[in-house]
Amino acid sequence: MMQSSDDALELEQGPKSGRLRDFSSQLAQRLRAAPNMPAEPARLAARMGDISFLFDMSTTGEIVTLPEIAAVPWTKPWFRGLESLQLIVFGDLLKVNAAVLVTRAFGLRNLKDLEPIGVMSDPLRPWERERFRETDGTTLIELDLRRLVATEQFSAIGI
């Protein structure tokens, strides 16, 4: 986790409605400054349900607030519905029209600041790559969005 006050992304400050805008602004500033900084393996840390993940910034698109979702009948429970999106939209970058529902965004993390605790090897979840531990003990799973969208589970939303 980046600790310096200039680098930290503060998600907990400001009114609830402005947090996402503040986060997006801070993230945009960091990305603009990135060409002047040495390349580091940065990931976006976020929670989906009760599991914390790391998203490779090269495969994530925009982060938007979740409006109402229109339910789609005859689909699996994990398929929330259609557009009616705090999401990390990754579809445009991976040539699919999709997003993941994030319940909380923690901010950017450098892999060099995290303790590796093992490679994921569950053949039923090939999109989970490696597990890391933060200094506070939180476990983060590196999520490979390219592998996720290539799986049959992802494309088979019908029941």
N, C-alpha and C. Protein backbone atom coordinates (compact mmCIF):
# COMPACT_ATOMS: atom_id res chain seq x y z
N MET A 1 0.84 -1.17 0.00
CA MET A 1 0.00 0.00 0.00
C MET A 1 0.88 1.23 0.00
N MET A 2 0.56 2.19 -0.84
CA MET A 2 1.34 3.41 -0.89
C MET A 2 0.99 4.27 0.31
N GLN A 3 2.02 4.71 1.03
CA GLN A 3 1.78 5.39 2.28
C GLN A 3 1.96 6.91 2.22
N SER A 4 2.73 7.44 1.26
CA SER A 4 2.98 8.87 1.29
C SER A 4 1.70 9.64 1.02
N SER A 5 1.56 10.79 1.62
CA SER A 5 0.31 11.55 1.52
C SER A 5 0.04 12.00 0.10
N ASP A 6 1.09 12.20 -0.71
CA ASP A 6 0.88 12.61 -2.09
C ASP A 6 0.35 11.48 -2.95
N ASP A 7 0.72 10.25 -2.60
CA ASP A 7 0.35 9.11 -3.43
C ASP A 7 -0.92 8.41 -3.00
N ALA A 8 -1.34 8.56 -1.76
CA ALA A 8 -2.47 7.79 -1.24
C ALA A 8 -3.77 8.23 -1.89
N LEU A 9 -4.61 7.27 -2.21
CA LEU A 9 -5.94 7.56 -2.72
C LEU A 9 -6.90 7.46 -1.54
N GLU A 10 -7.54 8.53 -1.20
CA GLU A 10 -8.43 8.56 -0.05
C GLU A 10 -9.86 8.31 -0.50
N LEU A 11 -10.40 7.17 -0.14
CA LEU A 11 -11.77 6.83 -0.52
C LEU A 11 -12.76 7.09 0.59
N GLU A 12 -12.29 7.29 1.79
CA GLU A 12 -13.17 7.39 2.94
C GLU A 12 -13.56 8.83 3.28
N GLN A 13 -13.01 9.82 2.59
CA GLN A 13 -13.30 11.20 2.92
C GLN A 13 -14.41 11.76 2.04
N GLY A 14 -15.00 12.86 2.48
CA GLY A 14 -16.00 13.57 1.69
C GLY A 14 -17.37 12.96 1.81
N PRO A 15 -18.39 13.69 1.30
CA PRO A 15 -19.75 13.16 1.34
C PRO A 15 -19.86 11.90 0.50
N LYS A 16 -20.78 11.06 0.88
CA LYS A 16 -20.92 9.76 0.23
C LYS A 16 -21.07 9.91 -1.29
N SER A 17 -21.83 10.87 -1.73
CA SER A 17 -22.07 11.02 -3.17
C SER A 17 -20.83 11.52 -3.91
N GLY A 18 -19.89 12.15 -3.21
CA GLY A 18 -18.71 12.70 -3.87
C GLY A 18 -17.50 11.79 -3.81
N ARG A 19 -17.58 10.70 -3.05
CA ARG A 19 -16.41 9.83 -2.90
C ARG A 19 -15.94 9.24 -4.22
N LEU A 20 -16.87 8.76 -5.03
CA LEU A 20 -16.49 8.15 -6.30
C LEU A 20 -15.86 9.19 -7.21
N ARG A 21 -16.43 10.40 -7.24
CA ARG A 21 -15.86 11.47 -8.06
C ARG A 21 -14.47 11.83 -7.57
N ASP A 22 -14.28 11.94 -6.23
CA ASP A 22 -12.97 12.23 -5.66
C ASP A 22 -11.97 11.13 -6.02
N PHE A 23 -12.41 9.87 -5.88
CA PHE A 23 -11.55 8.74 -6.20
C PHE A 23 -11.15 8.79 -7.67
N SER A 24 -12.12 9.02 -8.55
CA SER A 24 -11.84 9.08 -9.98
C SER A 24 -10.87 10.20 -10.31
N SER A 25 -11.04 11.36 -9.67
CA SER A 25 -10.13 12.49 -9.90
C SER A 25 -8.72 12.16 -9.44
N GLN A 26 -8.60 11.57 -8.25
CA GLN A 26 -7.28 11.20 -7.73
C GLN A 26 -6.62 10.16 -8.62
N LEU A 27 -7.41 9.20 -9.08
CA LEU A 27 -6.88 8.16 -9.95
C LEU A 27 -6.42 8.76 -11.27
N ALA A 28 -7.19 9.68 -11.82
CA ALA A 28 -6.81 10.34 -13.07
C ALA A 28 -5.51 11.12 -12.90
N GLN A 29 -5.34 11.80 -11.77
CA GLN A 29 -4.09 12.53 -11.51
C GLN A 29 -2.92 11.57 -11.47
N ARG A 30 -3.08 10.45 -10.79
CA ARG A 30 -2.01 9.46 -10.68
C ARG A 30 -1.65 8.90 -12.06
N LEU A 31 -2.68 8.64 -12.88
CA LEU A 31 -2.43 8.08 -14.21
C LEU A 31 -1.73 9.10 -15.11
N ARG A 32 -2.07 10.39 -14.99
CA ARG A 32 -1.39 11.42 -15.77
C ARG A 32 0.07 11.53 -15.37
N ALA A 33 0.36 11.34 -14.08
CA ALA A 33 1.73 11.42 -13.59
C ALA A 33 2.53 10.17 -13.91
N ALA A 34 1.88 9.09 -14.26
CA ALA A 34 2.53 7.79 -14.46
C ALA A 34 3.65 7.81 -15.50
N PRO A 35 3.53 8.51 -16.63
CA PRO A 35 4.62 8.48 -17.60
C PRO A 35 5.94 9.02 -17.04
N ASN A 36 5.88 9.85 -16.02
CA ASN A 36 7.08 10.43 -15.43
C ASN A 36 7.64 9.58 -14.30
N MET A 37 6.96 8.50 -13.97
CA MET A 37 7.39 7.64 -12.87
C MET A 37 7.89 6.31 -13.42
N PRO A 38 8.81 5.66 -12.71
CA PRO A 38 9.23 4.33 -13.16
C PRO A 38 8.05 3.36 -13.11
N ALA A 39 8.01 2.45 -14.07
CA ALA A 39 6.90 1.49 -14.13
C ALA A 39 6.92 0.57 -12.91
N GLU A 40 5.79 0.47 -12.26
CA GLU A 40 5.62 -0.43 -11.12
C GLU A 40 4.35 -1.23 -11.37
N PRO A 41 4.31 -2.45 -10.88
CA PRO A 41 3.13 -3.29 -11.12
C PRO A 41 1.95 -2.86 -10.23
N ALA A 42 1.27 -1.79 -10.61
CA ALA A 42 0.14 -1.28 -9.83
C ALA A 42 -1.14 -2.04 -10.16
N ARG A 43 -1.93 -2.25 -9.14
CA ARG A 43 -3.22 -2.91 -9.27
C ARG A 43 -4.26 -2.11 -8.50
N LEU A 44 -5.50 -2.18 -8.94
CA LEU A 44 -6.60 -1.57 -8.20
C LEU A 44 -7.15 -2.62 -7.25
N ALA A 45 -7.16 -2.30 -5.95
CA ALA A 45 -7.69 -3.22 -4.95
C ALA A 45 -9.16 -2.87 -4.72
N ALA A 46 -10.02 -3.89 -4.77
CA ALA A 46 -11.45 -3.68 -4.59
C ALA A 46 -12.08 -4.95 -4.03
N ARG A 47 -13.23 -4.79 -3.40
CA ARG A 47 -13.95 -5.93 -2.84
C ARG A 47 -15.19 -6.19 -3.68
N MET A 48 -15.42 -7.48 -3.92
CA MET A 48 -16.66 -7.93 -4.55
C MET A 48 -17.26 -8.90 -3.56
N GLY A 49 -18.39 -8.54 -2.98
CA GLY A 49 -18.99 -9.35 -1.93
C GLY A 49 -18.08 -9.33 -0.71
N ASP A 50 -17.63 -10.49 -0.26
CA ASP A 50 -16.74 -10.54 0.90
C ASP A 50 -15.31 -10.94 0.53
N ILE A 51 -14.98 -10.90 -0.77
CA ILE A 51 -13.64 -11.26 -1.24
C ILE A 51 -12.97 -10.02 -1.83
N SER A 52 -11.69 -9.82 -1.50
CA SER A 52 -10.93 -8.68 -2.01
C SER A 52 -10.06 -9.13 -3.18
N PHE A 53 -10.08 -8.32 -4.23
CA PHE A 53 -9.36 -8.65 -5.46
C PHE A 53 -8.42 -7.53 -5.86
N LEU A 54 -7.46 -7.89 -6.73
CA LEU A 54 -6.57 -6.93 -7.38
C LEU A 54 -6.87 -6.97 -8.87
N PHE A 55 -7.09 -5.81 -9.47
CA PHE A 55 -7.38 -5.69 -10.89
C PHE A 55 -6.20 -5.03 -11.59
N ASP A 56 -5.71 -5.66 -12.64
CA ASP A 56 -4.64 -5.08 -13.46
C ASP A 56 -5.19 -3.83 -14.14
N MET A 57 -4.52 -2.71 -13.97
CA MET A 57 -5.02 -1.45 -14.51
C MET A 57 -5.07 -1.46 -16.04
N SER A 58 -4.29 -2.31 -16.69
CA SER A 58 -4.31 -2.34 -18.16
C SER A 58 -5.57 -2.99 -18.71
N THR A 59 -6.33 -3.71 -17.86
CA THR A 59 -7.56 -4.35 -18.34
C THR A 59 -8.81 -3.71 -17.77
N THR A 60 -8.66 -2.71 -16.91
CA THR A 60 -9.84 -2.05 -16.37
C THR A 60 -10.14 -0.81 -17.18
N GLY A 61 -11.38 -0.48 -17.27
CA GLY A 61 -11.80 0.72 -17.98
C GLY A 61 -12.22 1.77 -16.98
N GLU A 62 -13.43 2.22 -17.10
CA GLU A 62 -13.92 3.27 -16.21
C GLU A 62 -14.60 2.69 -14.97
N ILE A 63 -14.72 3.52 -13.94
CA ILE A 63 -15.42 3.16 -12.72
C ILE A 63 -16.64 4.07 -12.65
N VAL A 64 -17.82 3.47 -12.57
CA VAL A 64 -19.05 4.25 -12.57
C VAL A 64 -19.94 3.84 -11.41
N THR A 65 -20.85 4.73 -11.01
CA THR A 65 -21.80 4.44 -9.94
C THR A 65 -22.91 3.54 -10.47
N LEU A 66 -23.42 2.70 -9.62
CA LEU A 66 -24.44 1.72 -10.00
C LEU A 66 -25.84 2.32 -10.00
N PRO A 67 -26.44 2.47 -11.19
CA PRO A 67 -27.86 2.85 -11.23
C PRO A 67 -28.71 1.60 -11.07
N GLU A 68 -29.99 1.71 -11.28
CA GLU A 68 -30.85 0.53 -11.16
C GLU A 68 -30.52 -0.47 -12.26
N ILE A 69 -30.65 -1.73 -11.90
CA ILE A 69 -30.38 -2.80 -12.85
C ILE A 69 -31.70 -3.48 -13.21
N ALA A 70 -31.89 -3.68 -14.50
CA ALA A 70 -33.09 -4.40 -14.96
C ALA A 70 -32.80 -5.89 -14.91
N ALA A 71 -33.58 -6.62 -14.14
CA ALA A 71 -33.39 -8.07 -14.02
C ALA A 71 -33.66 -8.76 -15.35
N VAL A 72 -32.92 -9.84 -15.58
CA VAL A 72 -33.09 -10.62 -16.80
C VAL A 72 -33.55 -12.02 -16.38
N PRO A 73 -34.74 -12.42 -16.81
CA PRO A 73 -35.23 -13.75 -16.41
C PRO A 73 -34.40 -14.86 -17.05
N TRP A 74 -34.40 -16.01 -16.40
CA TRP A 74 -33.76 -17.22 -16.88
C TRP A 74 -32.24 -17.10 -16.99
N THR A 75 -31.65 -16.32 -16.08
CA THR A 75 -30.19 -16.22 -16.03
C THR A 75 -29.70 -16.67 -14.67
N LYS A 76 -28.42 -16.99 -14.58
CA LYS A 76 -27.83 -17.45 -13.33
C LYS A 76 -27.84 -16.33 -12.29
N PRO A 77 -27.85 -16.67 -11.01
CA PRO A 77 -27.96 -15.67 -9.94
C PRO A 77 -26.85 -14.62 -9.94
N TRP A 78 -25.65 -14.99 -10.40
CA TRP A 78 -24.55 -14.02 -10.41
C TRP A 78 -24.70 -12.97 -11.50
N PHE A 79 -25.58 -13.19 -12.48
CA PHE A 79 -25.81 -12.21 -13.54
C PHE A 79 -26.86 -11.23 -13.04
N ARG A 80 -26.42 -10.03 -12.64
CA ARG A 80 -27.30 -9.07 -11.99
C ARG A 80 -28.36 -8.48 -12.92
N GLY A 81 -28.06 -8.34 -14.18
CA GLY A 81 -29.04 -7.77 -15.09
C GLY A 81 -28.38 -6.89 -16.13
N LEU A 82 -29.20 -6.02 -16.69
CA LEU A 82 -28.71 -5.15 -17.76
C LEU A 82 -28.66 -3.70 -17.31
N GLU A 83 -27.72 -3.01 -17.82
CA GLU A 83 -27.39 -1.61 -17.68
C GLU A 83 -28.20 -0.78 -16.71
N SER A 84 -29.43 -1.05 -16.55
CA SER A 84 -30.32 -0.20 -15.77
C SER A 84 -29.97 0.06 -14.37
N LEU A 85 -24.92 0.93 -13.56
CA LEU A 85 -23.67 0.37 -13.35
C LEU A 85 -22.98 1.03 -12.14
N GLN A 86 -20.96 1.14 -7.76
CA GLN A 86 -19.54 1.29 -8.03
C GLN A 86 -19.06 0.05 -8.82
N LEU A 87 -18.98 0.13 -10.33
CA LEU A 87 -18.55 -0.95 -11.19
C LEU A 87 -17.18 -0.66 -11.78
N ILE A 88 -16.46 -1.68 -12.07
CA ILE A 88 -15.25 -1.53 -12.86
C ILE A 88 -15.60 -2.10 -14.22
N VAL A 89 -15.69 -1.23 -15.19
CA VAL A 89 -16.08 -1.63 -16.53
C VAL A 89 -14.84 -2.09 -17.27
N PHE A 90 -14.85 -3.30 -17.78
CA PHE A 90 -13.68 -3.81 -18.47
C PHE A 90 -13.99 -4.28 -19.87
N GLY A 91 -15.22 -4.21 -20.27
CA GLY A 91 -15.63 -4.78 -21.54
C GLY A 91 -14.97 -4.18 -22.76
N ASP A 92 -14.89 -2.87 -22.86
CA ASP A 92 -14.34 -2.25 -24.05
C ASP A 92 -12.90 -2.69 -24.29
N LEU A 93 -12.12 -2.81 -23.24
CA LEU A 93 -10.72 -3.17 -23.38
C LEU A 93 -10.52 -4.63 -23.75
N LEU A 94 -11.46 -5.48 -23.38
CA LEU A 94 -11.32 -6.91 -23.65
C LEU A 94 -12.27 -7.39 -24.74
N LYS A 95 -12.88 -6.46 -25.44
CA LYS A 95 -13.78 -6.76 -26.56
C LYS A 95 -15.03 -7.51 -26.12
N VAL A 96 -15.50 -7.25 -24.91
CA VAL A 96 -16.77 -7.78 -24.45
C VAL A 96 -17.52 -6.62 -23.79
N ASN A 97 -18.83 -6.74 -23.71
CA ASN A 97 -19.64 -5.71 -23.07
C ASN A 97 -19.98 -6.20 -21.68
N ALA A 98 -19.12 -5.91 -20.69
CA ALA A 98 -19.31 -6.46 -19.36
C ALA A 98 -18.69 -5.56 -18.29
N ALA A 99 -19.06 -5.84 -17.05
CA ALA A 99 -18.53 -5.11 -15.91
C ALA A 99 -18.62 -6.01 -14.69
N VAL A 100 -17.88 -5.67 -13.63
CA VAL A 100 -18.00 -6.39 -12.37
C VAL A 100 -18.53 -5.42 -11.32
N LEU A 101 -19.37 -5.93 -10.44
CA LEU A 101 -19.96 -5.13 -9.38
C LEU A 101 -19.00 -5.11 -8.18
N VAL A 102 -18.52 -3.94 -7.85
CA VAL A 102 -17.59 -3.78 -6.74
C VAL A 102 -18.34 -3.19 -5.56
N THR A 103 -18.22 -3.82 -4.39
CA THR A 103 -18.90 -3.30 -3.21
C THR A 103 -18.08 -2.25 -2.49
N ARG A 104 -16.74 -2.26 -2.72
CA ARG A 104 -15.88 -1.23 -2.13
C ARG A 104 -14.56 -1.20 -2.88
N ALA A 105 -14.10 0.00 -3.23
CA ALA A 105 -12.78 0.18 -3.86
C ALA A 105 -11.82 0.68 -2.79
N PHE A 106 -10.65 0.04 -2.70
CA PHE A 106 -9.65 0.41 -1.69
C PHE A 106 -8.61 1.37 -2.25
N GLY A 107 -8.33 1.34 -3.54
CA GLY A 107 -7.33 2.20 -4.16
C GLY A 107 -6.23 1.38 -4.82
N LEU A 108 -5.19 2.09 -5.26
CA LEU A 108 -4.09 1.44 -5.96
C LEU A 108 -3.13 0.77 -4.99
N ARG A 109 -2.59 -0.38 -5.42
CA ARG A 109 -1.59 -1.12 -4.66
C ARG A 109 -0.46 -1.49 -5.60
N ASN A 110 0.77 -1.45 -5.10
CA ASN A 110 1.91 -1.95 -5.85
C ASN A 110 2.19 -3.36 -5.37
N LEU A 111 2.39 -4.27 -6.31
CA LEU A 111 2.65 -5.66 -5.94
C LEU A 111 3.89 -5.78 -5.07
N LYS A 112 4.87 -4.91 -5.28
CA LYS A 112 6.10 -4.99 -4.49
C LYS A 112 5.86 -4.67 -3.01
N ASP A 113 4.75 -4.02 -2.70
CA ASP A 113 4.42 -3.69 -1.31
C ASP A 113 3.55 -4.75 -0.64
N LEU A 114 3.20 -5.80 -1.37
CA LEU A 114 2.34 -6.86 -0.85
C LEU A 114 3.15 -8.14 -0.66
N GLU A 115 2.73 -8.95 0.30
CA GLU A 115 3.40 -10.23 0.56
C GLU A 115 2.73 -11.33 -0.26
N PRO A 116 3.46 -11.94 -1.21
CA PRO A 116 2.87 -13.06 -1.96
C PRO A 116 2.64 -14.25 -1.03
N ILE A 117 1.44 -14.85 -1.12
CA ILE A 117 1.16 -15.99 -0.24
C ILE A 117 0.72 -17.23 -1.02
N GLY A 118 0.86 -17.21 -2.33
CA GLY A 118 0.59 -18.43 -3.09
C GLY A 118 -0.14 -18.20 -4.38
N VAL A 119 0.15 -19.07 -5.33
CA VAL A 119 -0.51 -19.04 -6.63
C VAL A 119 -1.82 -19.81 -6.51
N MET A 120 -2.86 -19.29 -7.09
CA MET A 120 -4.16 -19.97 -7.08
C MET A 120 -4.09 -21.10 -8.11
N SER A 121 -4.64 -22.25 -7.77
CA SER A 121 -4.59 -23.37 -8.70
C SER A 121 -5.91 -24.11 -8.79
N ASP A 122 -7.02 -23.43 -8.55
CA ASP A 122 -8.33 -24.06 -8.65
C ASP A 122 -8.74 -24.11 -10.13
N PRO A 123 -8.83 -25.31 -10.72
CA PRO A 123 -9.18 -25.40 -12.14
C PRO A 123 -10.59 -24.87 -12.44
N LEU A 124 -11.44 -24.77 -11.42
CA LEU A 124 -12.78 -24.23 -11.62
C LEU A 124 -12.81 -22.72 -11.59
N ARG A 125 -11.70 -22.09 -11.17
CA ARG A 125 -11.60 -20.64 -11.09
C ARG A 125 -10.28 -20.18 -11.71
N PRO A 126 -10.07 -20.42 -13.01
CA PRO A 126 -8.79 -20.12 -13.64
C PRO A 126 -8.48 -18.62 -13.72
N TRP A 127 -9.44 -17.78 -13.45
CA TRP A 127 -9.23 -16.33 -13.49
C TRP A 127 -8.56 -15.81 -12.22
N GLU A 128 -8.45 -16.63 -11.19
CA GLU A 128 -7.75 -16.23 -9.97
C GLU A 128 -6.30 -16.64 -10.09
N ARG A 129 -5.38 -15.64 -10.05
CA ARG A 129 -3.97 -15.94 -10.34
C ARG A 129 -3.13 -16.15 -9.09
N GLU A 130 -2.92 -15.12 -8.30
CA GLU A 130 -2.05 -15.22 -7.14
C GLU A 130 -2.68 -14.51 -5.96
N ARG A 131 -2.37 -14.99 -4.75
CA ARG A 131 -2.88 -14.36 -3.53
C ARG A 131 -1.76 -13.54 -2.90
N PHE A 132 -2.16 -12.38 -2.33
CA PHE A 132 -1.24 -11.49 -1.65
C PHE A 132 -1.84 -11.11 -0.30
N ARG A 133 -0.97 -10.71 0.62
CA ARG A 133 -1.43 -10.23 1.93
C ARG A 133 -0.92 -8.81 2.12
N GLU A 134 -1.85 -7.93 2.57
CA GLU A 134 -1.47 -6.56 2.91
C GLU A 134 -0.92 -6.54 4.33
N THR A 135 -0.32 -5.42 4.73
CA THR A 135 0.25 -5.32 6.07
C THR A 135 -0.81 -5.46 7.16
N ASP A 136 -2.07 -5.12 6.85
CA ASP A 136 -3.15 -5.25 7.85
C ASP A 136 -3.73 -6.66 7.90
N GLY A 137 -3.19 -7.57 7.07
CA GLY A 137 -3.65 -8.95 7.07
C GLY A 137 -4.70 -9.27 6.02
N THR A 138 -5.19 -8.28 5.30
CA THR A 138 -6.19 -8.50 4.26
C THR A 138 -5.60 -9.34 3.13
N THR A 139 -6.32 -10.36 2.72
CA THR A 139 -5.90 -11.18 1.58
C THR A 139 -6.51 -10.61 0.32
N LEU A 140 -5.69 -10.44 -0.71
CA LEU A 140 -6.13 -9.94 -2.01
C LEU A 140 -5.82 -11.00 -3.06
N ILE A 141 -6.78 -11.28 -3.92
CA ILE A 141 -6.60 -12.26 -4.99
C ILE A 141 -6.48 -11.50 -6.31
N GLU A 142 -5.39 -11.75 -7.03
CA GLU A 142 -5.20 -11.11 -8.32
C GLU A 142 -6.17 -11.74 -9.32
N LEU A 143 -7.01 -10.92 -9.91
CA LEU A 143 -8.04 -11.38 -10.83
C LEU A 143 -7.59 -11.12 -12.26
N ASP A 144 -7.57 -12.14 -13.08
CA ASP A 144 -7.18 -12.03 -14.48
C ASP A 144 -8.45 -11.92 -15.31
N LEU A 145 -8.81 -10.70 -15.69
CA LEU A 145 -10.05 -10.47 -16.42
C LEU A 145 -10.04 -11.11 -17.80
N ARG A 146 -8.87 -11.18 -18.44
CA ARG A 146 -8.79 -11.84 -19.74
C ARG A 146 -9.18 -13.32 -19.62
N ARG A 147 -8.67 -13.98 -18.58
CA ARG A 147 -9.03 -15.39 -18.37
C ARG A 147 -10.51 -15.52 -18.00
N LEU A 148 -11.01 -14.58 -17.22
CA LEU A 148 -12.41 -14.64 -16.82
C LEU A 148 -13.35 -14.61 -18.02
N VAL A 149 -13.14 -13.65 -18.92
CA VAL A 149 -14.05 -13.53 -20.06
C VAL A 149 -13.89 -14.67 -21.05
N ALA A 150 -12.78 -15.41 -20.97
CA ALA A 150 -12.55 -16.54 -21.88
C ALA A 150 -13.18 -17.84 -21.37
N THR A 151 -13.70 -17.84 -20.14
CA THR A 151 -14.25 -19.07 -19.58
C THR A 151 -15.69 -19.32 -20.04
N GLU A 152 -16.05 -20.59 -20.03
CA GLU A 152 -17.42 -20.96 -20.36
C GLU A 152 -18.38 -20.45 -19.30
N GLN A 153 -17.94 -20.45 -18.01
CA GLN A 153 -18.80 -19.95 -16.93
C GLN A 153 -19.22 -18.50 -17.19
N PHE A 154 -18.32 -17.70 -17.72
CA PHE A 154 -18.62 -16.28 -17.97
C PHE A 154 -19.62 -16.12 -19.08
N SER A 155 -19.43 -16.86 -20.15
CA SER A 155 -20.29 -16.68 -21.31
C SER A 155 -21.63 -17.41 -21.18
N ALA A 156 -21.74 -18.34 -20.25
CA ALA A 156 -22.97 -19.12 -20.10
C ALA A 156 -23.82 -18.55 -18.96
N ILE A 157 -24.53 -17.45 -19.23
CA ILE A 157 -25.32 -16.82 -18.17
C ILE A 157 -26.70 -17.42 -18.01
N GLY A 158 -27.15 -18.16 -19.01
CA GLY A 158 -28.49 -18.76 -18.94
C GLY A 158 -28.52 -19.98 -18.04
N ILE A 159 -29.71 -20.27 -17.52
CA ILE A 159 -29.86 -21.46 -16.66
C ILE A 159 -30.53 -22.58 -17.42
